Protein backbone atom coordinates (compact mmCIF):
# COMPACT_ATOMS: atom_id res chain seq x y z
CA MET A 1 0.02 0.00 0.00
CA LYS A 2 1.34 3.41 -0.95
CA GLU A 3 2.30 5.61 1.99
CA GLU A 4 0.07 8.49 2.65
CA THR A 5 1.69 11.87 1.79
CA VAL A 6 0.70 15.49 1.71
CA TYR A 7 -0.69 14.75 -1.83
CA SER A 8 -3.07 12.03 -0.85
CA ASP A 9 -6.00 14.46 -0.49
CA LYS A 10 -6.61 15.85 -4.03
CA GLY A 11 -9.80 17.77 -3.35
CA ASP A 12 -10.36 21.10 -5.24
CA SER A 13 -13.11 23.63 -4.66
CA HIS A 14 -15.27 25.16 -7.31
CA SER A 15 -13.75 28.57 -6.76
CA GLU A 16 -10.19 27.20 -7.03
CA THR A 17 -11.14 25.51 -10.36
CA LEU A 18 -12.51 28.84 -11.71
CA GLN A 19 -9.40 30.65 -10.61
CA ARG A 20 -7.16 28.06 -12.21
CA LEU A 21 -9.04 28.46 -15.56
CA GLN A 22 -8.52 32.24 -15.41
CA ASP A 23 -4.84 31.77 -14.69
CA ILE A 24 -4.45 29.31 -17.58
CA GLU A 25 -6.09 31.80 -19.93
CA ALA A 26 -3.63 34.50 -18.90
CA PHE A 27 -0.73 32.09 -19.36
CA VAL A 28 -1.84 31.10 -22.83
CA SER A 29 -2.24 34.74 -23.79
CA LYS A 30 1.39 35.48 -22.74
CA ILE A 31 3.13 32.34 -23.89
CA THR A 32 1.78 32.47 -27.40
CA ARG A 33 3.74 35.63 -28.05
CA GLU A 34 7.04 33.79 -27.73
CA LYS A 35 8.50 32.21 -30.86
CA ASP A 36 11.67 30.28 -30.11
CA LEU A 37 12.44 27.41 -27.73
CA VAL A 38 14.54 29.33 -25.17
CA SER A 39 12.14 32.28 -24.88
CA ILE A 40 9.19 29.85 -24.51
CA ALA A 41 11.05 28.09 -21.72
CA LYS A 42 12.12 31.26 -19.92
CA ALA A 43 8.68 32.80 -20.18
CA THR A 44 7.10 29.63 -18.79
CA MET A 45 9.35 29.46 -15.73
CA LYS A 46 9.04 33.23 -15.13
CA MET A 47 5.24 33.04 -15.02
CA ILE A 48 5.32 29.95 -12.76
CA ALA A 49 7.76 31.75 -10.48
CA GLU A 50 5.61 34.85 -10.27
CA GLN A 51 2.29 33.16 -9.82
CA PHE A 52 3.28 30.33 -7.42
CA GLY A 53 6.35 31.57 -5.62
CA ILE A 54 8.74 29.01 -7.17
CA THR A 55 12.34 30.24 -6.86
CA GLU A 56 14.46 27.67 -8.66
CA MET A 57 13.77 25.68 -11.85
CA ILE A 58 15.62 24.07 -14.75
CA LEU A 59 14.15 22.79 -18.04
CA ALA A 60 15.77 20.08 -20.07
CA LEU A 61 14.66 19.26 -23.66
CA TRP A 62 15.51 16.33 -25.99
CA ASP A 63 18.02 17.32 -28.62
CA ASP A 64 17.59 15.33 -31.87
CA GLU A 65 21.12 16.05 -33.09
CA SER A 66 23.07 14.80 -30.02
CA ARG A 67 20.35 12.29 -29.03
CA ARG A 68 20.44 13.48 -25.43
CA PHE A 69 18.50 15.74 -23.05
CA LYS A 70 20.11 19.16 -22.77
CA LEU A 71 19.36 21.89 -20.23
CA LEU A 72 17.58 24.60 -22.27
CA ALA A 73 17.04 27.16 -19.62
CA SER A 74 17.08 27.79 -15.91
CA TYR A 75 15.48 30.18 -13.43
CA GLY A 76 16.73 31.59 -10.10
CA TYR A 77 20.33 30.50 -10.23
CA PRO A 78 23.49 32.58 -10.34
CA THR A 79 24.96 33.38 -13.78
CA GLU A 80 28.01 31.08 -13.06
CA ALA A 81 25.69 28.14 -12.37
CA GLU A 82 23.66 28.84 -15.50
CA LYS A 83 26.86 28.68 -17.62
CA GLU A 84 27.59 25.27 -16.17
CA PHE A 85 23.98 24.08 -16.73
CA SER A 86 24.39 24.80 -20.44
CA LYS A 87 26.96 21.99 -20.59
CA TYR A 88 24.72 19.42 -18.99
CA GLU A 89 23.57 16.48 -21.08
CA TYR A 90 21.59 13.40 -20.01
CA SER A 91 20.77 10.10 -21.62
CA HIS A 92 17.33 8.36 -21.39
CA ASP A 93 18.57 6.68 -18.24
CA TRP A 94 18.42 9.99 -16.41
CA ILE A 95 14.76 10.56 -16.87
CA SER A 96 13.73 6.85 -16.36
CA VAL A 97 15.36 6.88 -12.87
CA GLU A 98 13.44 10.00 -11.74
CA LEU A 99 10.12 9.02 -13.25
CA GLN A 100 9.49 5.94 -11.18
CA GLU A 101 5.96 4.98 -10.32
CA LYS A 102 6.76 5.42 -6.58
CA PHE A 103 7.37 9.10 -7.13
CA ARG A 104 4.20 9.75 -9.31
CA ILE A 105 1.46 11.84 -7.70
CA ALA A 106 -0.51 12.49 -10.87
CA ASP A 107 -0.15 12.21 -14.61
CA ASP A 108 3.22 13.61 -15.58
CA ILE A 109 3.85 15.06 -12.06
CA TYR A 110 6.51 13.43 -9.94
CA PHE A 111 7.59 14.26 -6.42
CA ILE A 112 11.11 12.91 -5.81
CA ASN A 113 11.19 13.09 -2.00
CA ALA A 114 14.32 13.11 0.07
CA GLU A 115 13.50 9.86 1.91
CA ASP A 116 13.19 7.67 -1.20
CA TRP A 117 16.19 8.58 -3.28
CA GLU A 118 19.91 9.01 -2.98
CA PRO A 119 21.98 10.89 -5.61
CA VAL A 120 24.91 9.09 -7.09
CA THR A 121 26.83 12.37 -7.00
CA VAL A 122 25.71 15.61 -5.26
CA ASP A 123 25.39 18.51 -7.65
CA GLU A 124 26.23 21.43 -5.37
CA LEU A 125 25.03 23.96 -7.98
CA LEU A 126 21.47 22.84 -7.26
CA LEU A 127 21.88 23.10 -3.49
CA ASP A 128 21.08 26.24 -1.38
CA ARG A 129 21.98 24.78 1.97
CA LYS A 130 24.60 22.06 1.70
CA GLU A 131 24.59 21.59 5.51
CA ALA A 132 20.85 20.65 5.34
CA ILE A 133 21.21 17.85 2.79
CA ASP A 134 20.59 15.19 5.47
CA GLU A 135 17.79 16.96 7.24
CA LYS A 136 14.79 14.98 8.40
CA ARG A 137 11.18 15.89 7.71
CA ASN A 138 9.53 17.32 10.81
CA ARG A 139 6.12 17.79 9.30
CA LYS A 140 4.28 16.22 6.31
CA ASP A 141 4.45 19.38 4.08
CA GLN A 142 7.98 20.47 4.89
CA TRP A 143 10.21 21.02 1.83
CA LEU A 144 13.64 19.39 2.38
CA GLU A 145 16.87 20.30 0.61
CA LYS A 146 16.77 17.11 -1.51
CA ASP A 147 13.13 17.34 -2.42
CA PHE A 148 12.31 18.25 -6.02
CA PHE A 149 9.50 17.91 -8.58
CA GLU A 150 9.57 16.80 -12.21
CA PHE A 151 6.88 17.84 -14.71
CA VAL A 152 7.00 15.81 -17.87
CA LEU A 153 6.95 17.49 -21.35
CA ARG A 154 5.46 15.33 -24.13
CA ASP A 155 5.08 15.73 -27.92
CA HIS A 156 1.95 15.27 -29.97
CA SER A 157 2.39 11.49 -29.99
CA GLY A 158 2.92 11.31 -26.21
CA GLU A 159 6.70 10.70 -26.32
CA ILE A 160 8.67 12.39 -23.57
CA ILE A 161 10.68 15.32 -24.98
CA GLY A 162 11.79 16.92 -21.70
CA ALA A 163 11.04 17.84 -18.15
CA LEU A 164 10.70 20.90 -15.96
CA GLU A 165 12.49 20.41 -12.69
CA MET A 166 11.27 22.44 -9.75
CA ASN A 167 13.87 22.67 -6.90
CA ASP A 168 12.70 25.34 -4.41
CA MET A 169 10.06 27.92 -3.54
CA GLU A 170 9.74 31.01 -1.28
CA SER A 171 7.88 29.09 1.40
CA ASP A 172 9.57 26.17 3.26
CA SER A 173 6.24 24.18 2.68
CA LEU A 174 5.62 21.86 -0.24
CA PRO A 175 3.17 23.33 -2.82
CA ASP A 176 -0.39 22.11 -2.56
CA TYR A 177 -1.91 19.67 -5.13
CA SER A 178 -3.88 22.40 -6.77
CA THR A 179 -0.69 24.40 -7.45
CA LEU A 180 1.06 21.35 -8.88
CA LEU A 181 -1.88 20.59 -11.20
CA SER A 182 -1.75 24.27 -12.52
CA ILE A 183 2.01 24.06 -13.11
CA SER A 184 1.51 20.75 -14.95
CA ILE A 185 -1.06 22.33 -17.22
CA TYR A 186 1.30 25.23 -17.93
CA THR A 187 4.13 22.86 -18.79
CA LYS A 188 1.88 20.83 -21.15
CA ILE A 189 0.88 24.08 -22.94
CA ALA A 190 4.55 25.07 -23.07
CA SER A 191 5.49 21.63 -24.52
CA ILE A 192 3.00 22.17 -27.38
CA MET A 193 4.47 25.59 -28.10
CA MET A 194 8.05 24.10 -27.98
CA GLU A 195 7.12 21.34 -30.37
CA THR A 196 5.63 23.80 -32.77
CA ALA A 197 8.69 26.04 -32.58
CA ARG A 198 11.03 23.13 -33.06
CA ALA A 199 9.09 21.77 -35.93
CA LYS A 200 9.30 25.17 -37.64
CA ASP A 201 13.10 25.35 -37.06
CA SER A 202 13.47 21.81 -38.31
CA GLN A 203 11.37 22.52 -41.41
CA GLU A 204 13.35 25.57 -42.17
CA GLU A 205 16.59 23.61 -41.96
CA VAL A 206 15.19 20.83 -44.08
CA SER A 207 14.08 23.37 -46.67
CA ARG A 208 17.60 24.83 -46.73
CA ARG A 209 19.17 21.48 -47.13
CA ILE A 210 16.74 20.43 -49.86
CA ASP A 211 17.37 23.66 -51.60
CA GLY A 212 21.06 22.80 -51.46
CA LEU A 213 20.32 19.43 -53.01
CA VAL A 214 18.30 20.93 -55.80
CA ALA A 215 20.95 23.59 -56.45
CA LEU A 216 23.71 21.08 -56.70
CA MET A 217 21.61 18.80 -58.78
CA SER A 218 20.87 21.62 -61.28
CA HIS A 219 24.54 22.59 -61.49
CA ASP A 220 25.67 19.03 -61.91
CA VAL A 221 23.07 18.18 -64.49
CA GLY A 222 23.73 21.43 -66.20
CA LYS A 223 27.45 20.54 -66.60
CA LYS A 224 26.40 17.08 -67.95
CA LEU A 225 24.14 18.78 -70.57
CA GLU A 226 26.97 21.08 -71.64
CA ASN A 227 29.19 18.11 -72.06
CA ILE A 228 26.56 16.30 -74.09
CA GLN A 229 26.19 19.40 -76.30
CA LYS A 230 29.97 19.51 -76.98
CA ILE A 231 30.14 15.79 -77.70
CA CYS A 232 27.17 16.03 -80.11
CA GLU A 233 28.96 18.85 -81.97
CA THR A 234 31.98 16.61 -82.34
CA ILE A 235 29.88 13.64 -83.59
CA ARG A 236 28.45 15.85 -86.34
CA ARG A 237 31.89 16.22 -87.95
CA PRO A 238 31.80 14.09 -91.20
CA SER A 239 35.52 13.28 -90.88
CA LEU A 240 35.24 11.69 -87.47
CA GLU A 241 36.27 8.03 -87.48
CA ARG A 242 33.76 5.41 -86.37
CA GLU A 243 35.80 4.32 -83.31
CA TYR A 244 35.74 7.84 -81.92
CA ARG A 245 32.11 8.34 -82.88
CA ASP A 246 31.14 5.16 -80.92
CA LYS A 247 33.17 6.43 -77.94
CA ALA A 248 31.43 9.77 -78.08
CA VAL A 249 27.96 8.13 -78.11
CA ARG A 250 28.91 6.06 -75.06
CA GLU A 251 29.92 9.25 -73.26
CA VAL A 252 26.58 10.91 -74.13
CA LEU A 253 24.70 7.89 -72.86
CA SER A 254 26.82 7.85 -69.67
CA SER A 255 26.15 11.57 -69.00
CA ILE A 256 22.44 11.07 -69.58
CA GLU A 257 22.41 8.09 -67.22
CA ARG A 258 24.31 10.08 -64.55
CA SER A 259 21.90 12.96 -64.78
CA LYS A 260 18.98 10.66 -64.38
CA GLU A 261 20.64 8.98 -61.43
CA ILE A 262 21.21 12.36 -59.70
CA ASN A 263 17.62 13.40 -60.31
CA ASP A 264 16.32 10.09 -58.86
CA LYS A 265 18.43 10.48 -55.78
CA VAL A 266 17.30 14.05 -55.20
CA GLN A 267 13.64 13.14 -55.64
CA LYS A 268 13.93 10.18 -53.29
CA LEU A 269 15.64 12.19 -50.54
CA ARG A 270 13.34 15.12 -51.01
CA ASN A 271 10.31 12.92 -50.55
CA ILE A 272 11.85 11.38 -47.40
CA GLU A 273 12.90 14.69 -45.84
CA SER A 274 9.72 16.45 -46.67
CA ARG A 275 7.61 14.28 -44.47
CA PRO A 276 6.80 16.05 -41.18
CA TYR A 277 7.59 12.96 -39.25
CA SER A 278 9.85 10.56 -41.09
CA LEU A 279 9.11 6.90 -40.34
CA PHE A 280 12.21 5.23 -38.81
CA VAL A 281 12.13 1.49 -38.80
CA LEU A 282 14.47 -0.80 -36.77
CA VAL A 283 16.64 -2.65 -39.26
CA ASP A 284 19.97 -4.51 -39.25
CA ILE A 285 22.30 -2.00 -40.88
CA MET A 286 24.50 -4.88 -42.14
CA SER A 287 21.70 -5.78 -44.56
CA TYR A 288 21.67 -2.27 -46.04
CA ILE A 289 25.49 -2.25 -46.27
CA ASN A 290 25.47 -5.61 -48.13
CA LYS A 291 22.72 -4.43 -50.48
CA SER A 292 24.64 -1.18 -51.19
CA VAL A 293 27.88 -3.12 -51.85
CA ASP A 294 26.12 -5.51 -54.30
CA LYS A 295 24.80 -2.48 -56.29
CA PHE A 296 28.16 -0.86 -56.16
CA LYS A 297 29.90 -3.97 -57.57
CA LYS A 298 27.40 -4.24 -60.36
CA LYS A 299 27.90 -0.57 -61.23
CA HIS A 300 31.72 -0.98 -61.27
CA ASP A 301 32.09 -4.30 -62.94
CA GLY A 302 32.60 -6.41 -59.80
CA PHE A 303 34.91 -3.93 -58.07
CA ASP A 304 36.25 -5.67 -54.89
CA VAL A 305 34.81 -4.47 -51.54
CA ASN A 306 35.82 -6.05 -48.25
CA VAL A 307 33.27 -5.64 -45.37
CA SER A 308 34.10 -6.52 -41.74
CA SER A 309 32.25 -6.02 -38.47
CA ASN A 310 32.68 -6.64 -34.78
CA GLN A 311 29.14 -7.98 -34.68
CA ARG A 312 26.98 -10.07 -37.00
CA SER A 313 24.05 -7.74 -36.66
CA ILE A 314 23.76 -4.11 -35.64
CA TYR A 315 20.25 -2.68 -35.31
CA LEU A 316 19.55 0.89 -36.07
CA LYS A 317 16.32 2.97 -36.51
CA CYS A 318 16.51 4.50 -39.93
CA ASP A 319 14.68 5.02 -43.22
CA PRO A 320 15.72 4.15 -46.81
CA SER A 321 18.01 7.12 -46.98
CA ILE A 322 20.67 5.13 -45.13
CA GLU A 323 21.31 3.15 -48.36
CA GLU A 324 22.04 6.41 -50.16
CA LEU A 325 24.56 7.40 -47.40
CA ILE A 326 26.44 4.11 -47.82
CA SER A 327 26.40 4.35 -51.63
CA ALA A 328 27.60 8.07 -51.60
CA SER A 329 30.40 7.10 -49.18
CA LEU A 330 31.59 4.23 -51.37
CA ASP A 331 31.62 6.53 -54.45
CA ALA A 332 33.42 9.27 -52.55
CA VAL A 333 36.27 6.94 -51.50
CA LYS A 334 36.51 5.18 -54.84
CA ALA A 335 36.95 8.58 -56.60
CA LEU A 336 40.20 9.04 -54.59
CA LYS A 337 41.77 5.78 -55.62
CA LYS A 338 44.69 5.87 -58.11
CA ASP A 339 44.01 2.35 -59.34
CA ASN A 340 41.54 -0.52 -59.02
CA LEU A 341 44.10 -3.08 -57.73
CA SER A 342 43.28 -2.77 -54.03
CA PRO A 343 39.72 -3.21 -52.68
CA LEU A 344 37.58 -0.73 -50.90
CA ILE A 345 37.28 -1.44 -47.13
CA ILE A 346 34.24 -1.00 -45.04
CA GLU A 347 34.55 -1.59 -41.27
CA VAL A 348 31.42 -1.60 -39.14
CA SER A 349 31.28 -1.51 -35.35
CA GLN A 350 29.07 -0.52 -32.45
CA SER A 351 30.58 1.50 -29.66
CA GLY A 352 29.64 3.50 -26.52
CA LYS A 353 29.99 2.91 -22.79
CA GLU A 354 27.23 1.39 -20.71
CA GLY A 355 24.67 4.03 -19.81
CA GLU A 356 25.67 6.27 -22.66
CA ILE A 357 24.37 6.73 -26.19
CA GLN A 358 25.54 3.88 -28.42
CA THR A 359 26.72 4.63 -31.92
CA VAL A 360 27.19 2.76 -35.25
CA ASP A 361 30.62 3.58 -36.56
CA LEU A 362 31.25 3.11 -40.34
CA THR A 363 34.77 3.42 -41.75
CA PHE A 364 35.32 3.64 -45.56
CA ALA A 365 38.92 3.31 -46.70
CA SER A 366 41.35 1.78 -49.25
CA ARG A 367 45.11 1.04 -49.22
CA ASP A 368 46.20 3.13 -52.19
CA ILE A 369 44.82 6.54 -51.21
CA ASP A 370 47.50 8.92 -50.03
CA PRO A 371 47.10 11.72 -47.40
CA ILE A 372 46.59 14.32 -50.15
CA GLY A 373 43.52 12.50 -51.34
CA TRP A 374 42.02 12.30 -47.85
CA ARG A 375 42.71 16.01 -47.28
CA LYS A 376 40.84 16.75 -50.53
CA LEU A 377 37.78 14.75 -49.30
CA ALA A 378 37.98 16.52 -45.94
CA ASN A 379 37.91 19.86 -47.69
CA ASP A 380 35.02 18.76 -49.97
CA LEU A 381 33.00 17.72 -46.93
CA ARG A 382 33.54 21.01 -45.28
CA THR A 383 32.69 22.99 -48.41
CA SER A 384 29.52 21.05 -48.93
CA ASN A 385 28.34 21.10 -45.34
CA PRO A 386 24.48 20.99 -45.31
CA LYS A 387 24.45 23.54 -42.46
CA SER A 388 26.07 26.14 -44.72
CA ARG A 389 23.76 28.76 -46.14
CA ARG A 390 26.13 29.35 -49.07
CA LEU A 391 26.25 26.44 -51.48
CA PRO A 392 29.37 25.32 -53.26
CA PRO A 393 29.51 26.18 -56.96
CA SER A 394 31.05 22.86 -58.06
CA GLY A 395 28.74 20.11 -59.16
CA ASP A 396 31.22 17.35 -58.28
CA LEU A 397 30.54 17.98 -54.66
CA PHE A 398 27.03 16.49 -54.95
CA GLY A 399 28.01 13.14 -53.49
CA LYS A 400 29.81 14.73 -50.54
CA TYR A 401 26.77 16.90 -49.84
CA LEU A 402 24.68 13.68 -49.68
CA ILE A 403 27.03 12.25 -47.09
CA GLY A 404 26.66 15.31 -44.83
CA PHE A 405 22.93 15.67 -45.63
CA ILE A 406 22.02 12.15 -44.47
CA SER A 407 24.49 11.86 -41.60
CA ARG A 408 23.11 15.01 -40.05
CA LYS A 409 19.51 13.72 -40.59
CA TYR A 410 20.36 10.87 -38.18
CA GLY A 411 22.08 13.19 -35.69
CA GLY A 412 25.43 11.77 -36.81
CA THR A 413 28.70 13.16 -38.08
CA ALA A 414 30.84 12.52 -41.17
CA SER A 415 34.54 13.32 -41.02
CA VAL A 416 37.93 12.33 -42.55
CA GLU A 417 40.78 11.09 -40.42
CA GLU A 418 44.41 10.68 -41.50
CA ILE A 419 45.94 7.56 -40.06
CA TYR A 420 49.57 6.81 -39.36
CA SER A 421 49.25 3.52 -37.39
CA LYS A 422 51.15 0.51 -38.58
CA GLU A 423 48.18 -1.62 -37.46
CA LYS A 424 46.04 -0.18 -40.17
CA PRO A 425 46.54 -0.99 -43.89
CA TYR A 426 45.34 2.43 -44.95
CA ARG A 427 46.56 6.05 -44.54
CA GLY A 428 43.19 7.60 -43.94
CA ALA A 429 39.51 6.98 -43.70
CA LEU A 430 36.08 8.45 -44.11
CA ARG A 431 34.30 7.91 -40.74
CA ILE A 432 30.58 8.14 -40.18
CA ASN A 433 29.12 7.93 -36.67
CA ILE A 434 25.36 7.52 -36.19
CA PRO A 435 23.59 7.37 -32.77
CA ILE A 436 21.50 4.25 -32.15
CA LEU A 437 17.99 5.55 -31.21
């Protein structure tokens, strides 16, 4: 049987209900004026503080890029503490520990009371009275130094996207149930506003990245058409020998095929990226790698590719764009090779300490690529960064743009590393790291 607490009696009078509705109306009126995530978070905490006498709060929000919870804003703490808070990151384990059933007092409201939990490490930035950390509760509604509340933030589908942590108030008494209910309603409204703001930011970024794809496609296809035009002018010469004429026709067909391929890739990625909520499915990434390698070999007349992994299966939540990422990476590394004597190398591994975000690490390399080649690829990746608002003028960066475009989509990174280890048969590598959701 659950022990009776100050929150066991959840009665609420008619007048209190009416007052709460008026307060909510005022809150909605103010919060809807804010447009970005930080201003929404700060406005929410400021209004909670002013209305209910709460003196210390922090708000953490899920970050899609790092795949961790990050502290978005705080209230009532010194500037030095706020600077430190901005560095804080938490995995899913953090929120699952605090949101245990024994702490729940209502839907999405949790009271983590001093008697029922013990911190692994004491965060002194969150303490006002270090000497009172082991203080005992003298009355049922007394607020102890280690007491705090968590109000869960959810998205439209009910997934947890963050939490508002409430650490202190003007009174030394715990807030009543009616106050907690009002604060919970405020955080639910704020979470809707935050999701809307984040969706807008995300859509703007997607639009910019898609614009980049289209711009690069147009440039690359334009170059191919210019090349076709020149070849056709050459073919029209009556004196041209048949051997050269046949070669020119093959070049025309190759350019047309390449243009169609680029167009197909862009359309496919555009369709995937344009969905408001892309459907990620749990798949064994090794199956996608093997499929991409088979296509690569057919495209390049059986070109040798060696695939190795520290596990037979590595599962990752993704969509079909992962295949384009692998394909673009293979093409980018092959383009650096001086000959076709040595195979391409793909190494796949899963890494990450226990309790931290696990990642899939993909390494693309080959023996005969010198450091100059790897530096060129590194420069191309920087130049074609999807975050850049200025797009590169060169159409041959299209494949590198795809690598950054899709890696970033999964919250991952793409980089080039020069290697001088005798243990490795290659001098450099294209490395892609993707968090496992």
